Amino acid sequence: MRSIKYANIMFSFAPKSLLILLILVYTSLVFATDEAKEQRWAAQVSDSLLTGDVAWLPRKSGKFLAIYTENQASKTKGAVILLHGIGAHPDWPEVIHPLRTTLPEFGWSTLSIQMPVLTNDKRAHDYMPLMDEVAERIDAAIKFLQQKKIYNVVIMAHSLGTVMSAHYLANTPDAKLRAYVGISMIGSDQPKESKNASPPWNIKALETIKIPVLDIYGSEDNASVINSAKKRKNSAAKNNNTRYRQVVIKGADHFYHGYETALLKRIRSWLSRYAAGSEINLN
């Protein structure tokens, strides 16, 4: 609160010629990843990692954490870029860790990347100004895999990660990505009557995304996921995306407690149909 009051004082006394510059500088400080939190996550993950290798990927302000887990099967089908949910890290025990460590057993290398994070009191809509940082990280992940001669790449995300990945795909039509798996795709977390209500994130993005999409969620998922399911499906139909499929895992909650195997099985089956096969070079 003090920082906001201080900013208002600066703006009120600043010459008009400096006003825009001050706003831009202040905005860049407020709407940026929590660097200290990222460093804490990185230290914790690096110290406890048992499967996979730490990889540091470049970004404008330095580098960010990723975990690369190489394919363990006789044939490489491709790679999956994994995006975690709100405020988490790339080895998050729910959803992310099971997928990143198990998919390699079936021919898919995984690259789980640290997404921008904010303090624990922030909600999903607070992350929207960070989408430029999101795009930078996904681009770096794709480049990392291309340097390993892997071009058959799928992006897979959970919860808030689906908002980030869908936003990226909707605004990057030439992205070098084969398919998209959205796990528990959330809708807006603000009431409709709010003057600052968030846009229907995934619903709007699905009107634009052309690549194959698996929209998978649990029957006991969060209200934001369940209540927007029909609208997501309608958006894909409006977009004439015949390679969109919506799947419900009966009994599963937002974090798929006890349903990790069912989630993996459904994803593997869909990948085999829409993304597996011989390597392709999308350059």
Protein backbone atom coordinates (compact mmCIF):
# COMPACT_ATOMS: atom_id res chain seq x y z
CA MET A 1 0.00 0.00 0.00
CA ARG A 2 2.83 2.40 0.82
CA SER A 3 4.38 1.82 -2.59
CA ILE A 4 1.11 2.81 -4.29
CA LYS A 5 0.82 6.01 -2.19
CA TYR A 6 4.43 6.81 -3.01
CA ALA A 7 3.78 6.30 -6.70
CA ASN A 8 0.78 8.66 -6.56
CA ILE A 9 2.91 11.34 -4.91
CA MET A 10 5.58 10.98 -7.59
CA PHE A 11 3.01 11.24 -10.36
CA SER A 12 1.35 14.33 -8.87
CA PHE A 13 4.61 16.31 -8.70
CA ALA A 14 6.29 14.98 -11.85
CA PRO A 15 6.46 17.16 -15.01
CA LYS A 16 4.09 15.98 -17.69
CA SER A 17 7.06 15.07 -19.91
CA LEU A 18 8.11 12.47 -17.31
CA LEU A 19 4.68 11.13 -16.42
CA ILE A 20 4.54 8.39 -19.04
CA LEU A 21 8.08 7.26 -18.20
CA LEU A 22 7.26 7.07 -14.49
CA ILE A 23 4.14 5.04 -15.17
CA LEU A 24 6.04 2.61 -17.37
CA VAL A 25 8.82 2.17 -14.81
CA TYR A 26 6.39 1.71 -11.92
CA THR A 27 4.28 -0.75 -13.91
CA SER A 28 7.34 -2.82 -14.79
CA LEU A 29 8.26 -3.05 -11.11
CA VAL A 30 4.78 -4.06 -9.97
CA PHE A 31 3.84 -6.47 -12.75
CA ALA A 32 6.87 -8.73 -12.79
CA THR A 33 7.69 -12.12 -11.41
CA ASP A 34 8.66 -12.42 -7.76
CA GLU A 35 12.39 -13.00 -8.25
CA ALA A 36 13.04 -13.92 -4.62
CA LYS A 37 10.29 -16.53 -4.67
CA GLU A 38 11.66 -18.00 -7.89
CA GLN A 39 15.10 -18.28 -6.33
CA ARG A 40 13.67 -20.06 -3.28
CA TRP A 41 11.80 -22.51 -5.49
CA ALA A 42 14.92 -23.09 -7.58
CA ALA A 43 17.04 -23.87 -4.52
CA GLN A 44 14.41 -26.21 -3.09
CA VAL A 45 13.83 -28.06 -6.36
CA SER A 46 17.53 -28.38 -7.20
CA ASP A 47 18.35 -29.81 -3.77
CA SER A 48 15.56 -32.40 -3.81
CA LEU A 49 15.53 -33.45 -7.47
CA LEU A 50 15.78 -37.22 -7.97
CA THR A 51 14.56 -37.64 -11.54
CA GLY A 52 15.61 -35.42 -14.42
CA ASP A 53 18.24 -32.72 -14.78
CA VAL A 54 18.17 -29.04 -13.89
CA ALA A 55 18.42 -26.75 -16.91
CA TRP A 56 18.73 -22.98 -16.78
CA LEU A 57 17.02 -21.26 -19.69
CA PRO A 58 17.73 -17.66 -20.75
CA ARG A 59 15.42 -14.67 -20.38
CA LYS A 60 15.94 -10.93 -20.64
CA SER A 61 16.49 -10.44 -16.91
CA GLY A 62 18.76 -13.46 -16.48
CA LYS A 63 17.71 -17.10 -16.43
CA PHE A 64 14.92 -19.33 -15.12
CA LEU A 65 14.66 -22.87 -13.85
CA ALA A 66 13.58 -25.85 -15.94
CA ILE A 67 13.76 -29.61 -15.44
CA TYR A 68 14.58 -31.79 -18.43
CA THR A 69 13.73 -35.48 -18.18
CA GLU A 70 14.88 -37.50 -21.17
CA ASN A 71 12.87 -40.19 -22.91
CA GLN A 72 13.51 -43.66 -21.47
CA ALA A 73 11.71 -45.72 -24.11
CA SER A 74 13.35 -47.35 -27.13
CA LYS A 75 11.85 -44.73 -29.44
CA THR A 76 11.45 -41.00 -28.88
CA LYS A 77 7.98 -39.77 -29.83
CA GLY A 78 8.73 -36.14 -29.05
CA ALA A 79 8.78 -33.83 -26.06
CA VAL A 80 6.26 -32.19 -23.75
CA ILE A 81 6.68 -28.70 -22.30
CA LEU A 82 4.94 -28.61 -18.90
CA LEU A 83 3.47 -25.48 -17.30
CA HIS A 84 2.47 -25.58 -13.61
CA GLY A 85 -0.37 -23.80 -11.83
CA ILE A 86 -0.54 -20.63 -9.75
CA GLY A 87 2.45 -19.79 -7.56
CA ALA A 88 4.01 -23.24 -7.98
CA HIS A 89 7.25 -24.68 -9.40
CA PRO A 90 8.25 -27.14 -12.17
CA ASP A 91 8.37 -30.18 -9.87
CA TRP A 92 5.08 -29.52 -8.12
CA PRO A 93 3.96 -32.79 -6.50
CA GLU A 94 0.39 -32.59 -7.78
CA VAL A 95 -0.17 -33.17 -11.52
CA ILE A 96 3.20 -31.84 -12.71
CA HIS A 97 5.64 -34.26 -11.03
CA PRO A 98 3.70 -37.42 -11.98
CA LEU A 99 3.48 -36.31 -15.61
CA ARG A 100 7.04 -35.08 -16.00
CA THR A 101 8.53 -38.27 -14.51
CA THR A 102 6.17 -40.83 -16.08
CA LEU A 103 5.73 -39.60 -19.66
CA PRO A 104 9.42 -40.37 -20.44
CA GLU A 105 8.67 -44.05 -19.80
CA PHE A 106 6.38 -43.94 -22.84
CA GLY A 107 8.60 -42.11 -25.32
CA TRP A 108 8.05 -38.48 -24.35
CA SER A 109 10.89 -36.36 -23.00
CA THR A 110 9.59 -33.63 -20.70
CA LEU A 111 10.72 -30.08 -20.05
CA SER A 112 8.95 -28.62 -17.04
CA ILE A 113 9.53 -24.87 -16.81
CA GLN A 114 9.26 -22.30 -14.05
CA MET A 115 6.54 -19.81 -14.91
CA PRO A 116 6.34 -16.28 -13.46
CA VAL A 117 5.13 -16.29 -9.86
CA LEU A 118 3.63 -13.68 -7.56
CA THR A 119 3.11 -13.55 -3.81
CA ASN A 120 0.67 -16.03 -2.27
CA ASP A 121 -2.13 -13.47 -1.88
CA LYS A 122 -2.42 -12.91 -5.64
CA ARG A 123 -5.15 -14.49 -7.73
CA ALA A 124 -5.21 -15.62 -11.35
CA HIS A 125 -6.28 -12.26 -12.79
CA ASP A 126 -3.23 -10.62 -11.17
CA TYR A 127 -1.02 -12.65 -13.50
CA MET A 128 -2.43 -11.25 -16.74
CA PRO A 129 0.12 -8.38 -17.01
CA LEU A 130 2.90 -11.02 -16.93
CA MET A 131 1.99 -12.62 -20.25
CA ASP A 132 5.01 -11.14 -22.06
CA GLU A 133 7.22 -12.97 -19.56
CA VAL A 134 5.24 -16.13 -20.22
CA ALA A 135 5.82 -15.93 -23.97
CA GLU A 136 9.54 -15.37 -23.46
CA ARG A 137 9.81 -18.54 -21.35
CA ILE A 138 7.81 -20.74 -23.70
CA ASP A 139 9.95 -19.52 -26.62
CA ALA A 140 13.09 -20.39 -24.68
CA ALA A 141 11.72 -23.87 -23.91
CA ILE A 142 10.98 -24.55 -27.57
CA LYS A 143 14.45 -23.40 -28.56
CA PHE A 144 16.02 -25.63 -25.89
CA LEU A 145 14.28 -28.69 -27.33
CA GLN A 146 15.13 -27.75 -30.91
CA GLN A 147 18.78 -27.59 -29.91
CA LYS A 148 18.38 -31.23 -28.85
CA LYS A 149 16.94 -31.95 -32.31
CA ILE A 150 13.44 -32.49 -30.93
CA TYR A 151 10.83 -30.83 -33.13
CA ASN A 152 7.69 -32.80 -32.30
CA VAL A 153 6.72 -30.70 -29.28
CA VAL A 154 3.49 -30.62 -27.28
CA ILE A 155 2.61 -27.99 -24.70
CA MET A 156 0.79 -29.30 -21.61
CA ALA A 157 -0.47 -27.15 -18.75
CA HIS A 158 -2.45 -27.30 -15.52
CA SER A 159 -4.81 -24.72 -14.00
CA LEU A 160 -3.36 -21.19 -14.35
CA GLY A 161 -0.78 -22.70 -16.68
CA THR A 162 -3.62 -23.30 -19.15
CA VAL A 163 -4.38 -19.58 -19.20
CA MET A 164 -0.72 -18.85 -19.91
CA SER A 165 -0.34 -21.48 -22.63
CA ALA A 166 -3.68 -20.68 -24.29
CA HIS A 167 -2.82 -16.98 -24.33
CA TYR A 168 0.52 -17.81 -25.92
CA LEU A 169 -1.02 -20.05 -28.58
CA ALA A 170 -3.79 -17.57 -29.41
CA ASN A 171 -1.22 -14.82 -29.92
CA THR A 172 1.50 -16.91 -31.60
CA PRO A 173 -0.12 -18.56 -34.62
CA ASP A 174 3.27 -19.67 -35.97
CA ALA A 175 4.36 -21.36 -32.72
CA LYS A 176 6.44 -24.50 -33.29
CA LEU A 177 4.07 -26.68 -31.31
CA ARG A 178 2.29 -29.83 -32.45
CA ALA A 179 -0.60 -30.01 -29.95
CA TYR A 180 -1.95 -28.62 -26.69
CA VAL A 181 -3.18 -30.43 -23.57
CA GLY A 182 -5.09 -28.20 -21.14
CA ILE A 183 -5.62 -29.87 -17.75
CA SER A 184 -8.41 -28.20 -15.73
CA MET A 185 -8.75 -25.12 -17.93
CA ILE A 186 -9.98 -22.35 -15.66
CA GLY A 187 -12.34 -19.52 -16.48
CA SER A 188 -12.30 -16.02 -15.01
CA ASP A 189 -11.85 -15.85 -11.23
CA GLN A 190 -13.79 -12.59 -10.90
CA PRO A 191 -17.57 -12.08 -10.69
CA LYS A 192 -19.33 -10.95 -13.86
CA GLU A 193 -20.60 -7.82 -12.15
CA SER A 194 -17.07 -6.63 -11.32
CA LYS A 195 -16.05 -3.49 -13.21
CA ASN A 196 -12.58 -5.00 -13.61
CA ALA A 197 -13.75 -8.50 -14.44
CA SER A 198 -11.23 -10.67 -16.26
CA PRO A 199 -11.95 -11.81 -19.80
CA PRO A 200 -13.08 -15.43 -20.27
CA TRP A 201 -9.47 -16.50 -20.77
CA ASN A 202 -9.54 -20.02 -22.16
CA ILE A 203 -12.96 -19.58 -23.72
CA LYS A 204 -11.74 -16.70 -25.87
CA ALA A 205 -8.41 -18.32 -26.74
CA LEU A 206 -10.08 -21.48 -28.03
CA GLU A 207 -11.79 -19.39 -30.71
CA THR A 208 -8.33 -18.90 -32.24
CA ILE A 209 -6.17 -21.97 -31.50
CA LYS A 210 -5.93 -24.22 -34.57
CA ILE A 211 -3.71 -27.09 -33.39
CA PRO A 212 -5.15 -30.25 -31.75
CA VAL A 213 -6.45 -29.55 -28.23
CA LEU A 214 -7.23 -31.94 -25.39
CA ASP A 215 -9.44 -30.20 -22.81
CA ILE A 216 -9.42 -32.54 -19.82
CA TYR A 217 -10.89 -31.98 -16.37
CA GLY A 218 -12.40 -33.77 -13.38
CA SER A 219 -16.06 -34.17 -12.53
CA GLU A 220 -15.23 -32.80 -9.05
CA ASP A 221 -13.00 -30.01 -10.41
CA ASN A 222 -13.09 -26.34 -9.38
CA ALA A 223 -16.29 -24.44 -10.20
CA SER A 224 -14.40 -22.17 -12.60
CA VAL A 225 -13.36 -25.20 -14.65
CA ILE A 226 -16.70 -27.01 -14.64
CA ASN A 227 -18.85 -23.93 -15.23
CA SER A 228 -16.87 -22.88 -18.30
CA ALA A 229 -16.65 -26.35 -19.89
CA LYS A 230 -19.61 -25.96 -22.24
CA LYS A 231 -18.43 -22.52 -23.35
CA ARG A 232 -14.94 -23.87 -24.06
CA LYS A 233 -16.41 -26.61 -26.20
CA ASN A 234 -18.59 -24.10 -28.06
CA SER A 235 -15.57 -21.87 -28.70
CA ALA A 236 -13.65 -24.74 -30.30
CA ALA A 237 -16.71 -25.56 -32.45
CA LYS A 238 -17.00 -21.92 -33.47
CA ASN A 239 -13.34 -22.10 -34.48
CA ASN A 240 -14.05 -25.25 -36.55
CA ASN A 241 -11.29 -27.06 -34.67
CA THR A 242 -12.25 -30.66 -35.44
CA ARG A 243 -9.18 -31.85 -33.53
CA TYR A 244 -10.48 -30.52 -30.22
CA ARG A 245 -11.65 -33.06 -27.68
CA GLN A 246 -13.11 -32.54 -24.20
CA VAL A 247 -12.73 -35.37 -21.68
CA VAL A 248 -14.07 -35.64 -18.12
CA ILE A 249 -12.43 -37.94 -15.56
CA LYS A 250 -15.21 -39.05 -13.27
CA GLY A 251 -14.42 -38.53 -9.59
CA ALA A 252 -11.26 -36.45 -10.11
CA ASP A 253 -10.76 -33.12 -8.36
CA HIS A 254 -8.65 -30.16 -9.50
CA PHE A 255 -5.41 -31.89 -8.48
CA TYR A 256 -6.38 -35.44 -9.55
CA HIS A 257 -5.73 -36.93 -6.13
CA GLY A 258 -5.96 -40.69 -6.59
CA TYR A 259 -6.58 -40.27 -10.31
CA GLU A 260 -3.03 -39.69 -11.51
CA THR A 261 -2.97 -42.95 -13.46
CA ALA A 262 -6.31 -42.21 -15.12
CA LEU A 263 -5.07 -38.76 -16.14
CA LEU A 264 -1.87 -40.18 -17.61
CA LYS A 265 -3.76 -42.91 -19.48
CA ARG A 266 -6.16 -40.44 -21.12
CA ILE A 267 -3.34 -38.09 -22.09
CA ARG A 268 -1.20 -40.88 -23.53
CA SER A 269 -4.08 -42.18 -25.61
CA TRP A 270 -4.79 -38.74 -27.02
CA LEU A 271 -1.11 -38.03 -27.74
CA SER A 272 -0.84 -41.31 -29.64
CA ARG A 273 -3.63 -40.17 -31.92
CA TYR A 274 -2.78 -36.51 -32.44
CA ALA A 275 0.91 -35.98 -31.78
CA ALA A 276 2.96 -39.18 -31.78
CA GLY A 277 4.73 -40.76 -34.73
CA SER A 278 7.85 -39.84 -36.64
CA GLU A 279 9.69 -36.67 -35.75
CA ILE A 280 8.64 -33.59 -37.71
CA ASN A 281 10.62 -30.41 -38.34
CA LEU A 282 8.30 -27.44 -38.08
CA ASN A 283 10.99 -24.93 -39.06
